[in-house]
C-alpha cells in the first residue's frame, strides 16, 4: 500500500514538474508573439494568450467573438420538411454547419444572444439559476478578474474556448450522447475527469458538440439533427465526433474534445482539415463517458499540432476512476508533449508506409487522388530527413503478419477458416487444430493468402454495448432513465430511409444477455503484439497511411460494402480500434471527387461482398444499397489527411513527426465559406 502511494506521489510530482515547464514555455511563446495583431480566424492558443497578456483582448471579449461566429454559422444546414426527426435533403452552400448542440449560457444570456431554447444548458432545469454552475461568460469574467489581480495566466489553457463531445459528462450542461432522451435530470451529477482537468487549466467550455447518436458513425442525431461539412455543406463531417471536428475546422472554437472507438477522432479531424490525436487507449481517463468500452479513447482536435499537444498535456495521466489508466503509470513522458512540437527535422526517424491501404488496384477510382496526395506527403517526410521504409508494390506487414498472427489469434483464426480447421455441429474440432497451427508457424507459406493488415480478423458481438451503457446509467443515478431499455422507452428517434435506424441499434443491444469480451480482448492483444513485433523487426518508429481512402461523402449517400476491407465511407478504422495511438494531420485537398449513388438499374452487389458486416462502417444496409454505381469526376476541393501511427505510448515521436511535417508543409486551409465576420479582428 505504501509503495503504491509513493508511486502515485512520484507520478503527481512529475506531472507538476511538466506543468511548470509547460507554463514557462508558454510564457516565452506568448511574449514572443505579443507584438502581433490578434486575428480570431485560425487563432492558436499562443495567439490568444499573447493577446490576453498584452491586454489587447480580454477572455470575455474572446468568448463573445466566438459566440458571434456560433450565432452566424451554427444553424440548421439541411432541409427538414417534416422536422428534425424526418427525412432531410442537402442544401448546397448552406452557410451553416450545425456543429454545436448545447451552449454554456444561462437563459438570460442565451436569449439576449438570440439562441433558441433547444440550445439551453438544460431542458429539465429551465430556471438554471444555480450559482455553483457559472456559464461561459461568467467563467470568462472570473478569469479576467484573476488576470487583472495577478497579471498571470491561471494555467496552460487560460482562455482556450472548447467544445466537448456530448458523449462526455459536464455537470453544468445536458449530456445525452446525442439522443432526444427524456431524463428526469438531463445534467449528470459530475464532470468527466478530463473536463475537470481542462477547467482547472483555465479552459472555457462553451458548448457540447453534436455527435452521431450514441457514438455511431452517422453524422446525425435525434436531438442535434444533421451535421454538415464546412468545406461542402452537402457532405459529411464524418462521425461520430462530427461537431467536434467541424466546429474546430470552421473556427467556432479553439479546440474540441472527441472520442474514438474506430475512427471518430481521426475521421472528423480529417474532414475538417484539422489535427486530431487519438491517443493510446490507456493514456486519458474515460470516466464520465456514455457507453465507454475497451476500444474507446479520448482525444483533442485543434487546428495545429502544438495546440493538440497542449491539450493532451492537460488531460493525459492516471485517474483512479478509470482502471485502464493504471497502464500509463511509469510510462508517461518526462518532457511535455508541447515541448516536442518545435521539431523541424526528422533525421534518424524511420517511418513505414502502409501500402496495404494504398494499392490503387485494390480500391476504386474514387480512392486514387487521396492515395496520390498521401504518397506526396511521404515524399515530404523524406525531405525532412526521415528514413522512409516503403515496400512499393508489396505490403509493409503481410509477411510478418503471416508469421505471428495465426498463433496469436489462435481460436479466432481457426474459426475463420473452417475448411482448414473443421468442427462438428457443436463446434468441437474434428481434427488436430494445434498441429495445423504448428505447421503454419513453421512454414508461413501455408497461411491463407487473404491474411493481411486489411483483413487481420474480427470478433463477435460481446454485450459490451449494453453492459457499459447500463453501467454508466447506474452511476449517473437518474430517477427516470436507469437502463438501456428505459432509453428505448423514453426517447424520440429519427426516421429517415437514407440514415440507419438508431432505435433498432438500441433494441439490438438490448437483446444481448451476457458480457463476453474474450474475443475482443484476444483480438486487441493479438493486433498490438503483432504490430509491435512487425515494427520492431523493421526498426520502425511510426507508420503512415491515408486517414480515409475517400474524401468526405455526400450526406445520405450509400456507403456500400467494404472494398478490400476499406470501409464504405472510406475511413480506415482497424488500427485505431485496437487502442494504438495515431495523429491525423492535413495532407492537402482534392481537385475532384467521385460519388457513389443508388441506381436501381445498376448491377446488384453480390451478397458475398457484404460478408455479413453490412455497410456504412457497420451501420447497416439500407434500401437501395444493393444497387449502386460510381459517378464523376466532379470538381471538388475537399480535405485529405494522413495518419501517423505507432505502438502504445509512442505519442512523443508521433508528435515530433506531425509537428515537423506541419511546419514544412502548412497543408491546412480554413473553409472559405466560413471566413471572418464583419468587424471581426
Foldseek 3Di string as FASTA:
>chain_A
DVVVVVLVVVQVVLLVVQQVVLQVVLVVLLCVCLVDDAFLVQDALSSVVNCVLNVVDALLRNLVQLLVLCLQAQDDQWDDPPPQQEATAGDWLSSHFNWFQAFQDQPVVCVVSPHDPRNYQWPLCNNLPPPVRHGLNVLSVVQRVVCVVPSGGQASRASFEEEEALQFADQRGFRDQQFQFDFNTRHFNHGFPLVVLCVNRRYGYGGHTQFDRVWDFAQAGSSRGHGAQLQTRQFALTGGSSSQLRCQLLSSGQKYKWKDQFCHQPSNVQQSLWKKKQAQALFFDPGRGQLDDPRMHMAMIGRALLRRQSSSSRGTADDPVHVSNVVCSVLADSHGLNVLLVFAADAPAEAEEFCLQQDDVLDDPQLPVLSVLVVVLLVLNVVRRYHYHYPVVDGLCFVLCLQQLCVLLPVQQCVVCCVQFPDDPVRHTPDPSVVVSVVCNVPSVPPDPLCDPLPPGDDDDFLSRQVSNLVSLCVSPTPQDRGLVSRLVRTDHRDHLLAFTVSVVSVVSVPDDHGDCPSVVSVLVSVQVSQVVSCVVVVHLKYKDWQFSHFGAGNSAALAADRSNQASRGGRGDVSNSRWIKMKHWRAWDQWGKHKHQDPPADFADPVRNVPQAHDNSRHDGPRSRGIDIDDTDGRTTIIIMMITHHHSSSSVNSNSSSNSCVVPVRRDRNPSSDRDVPRD
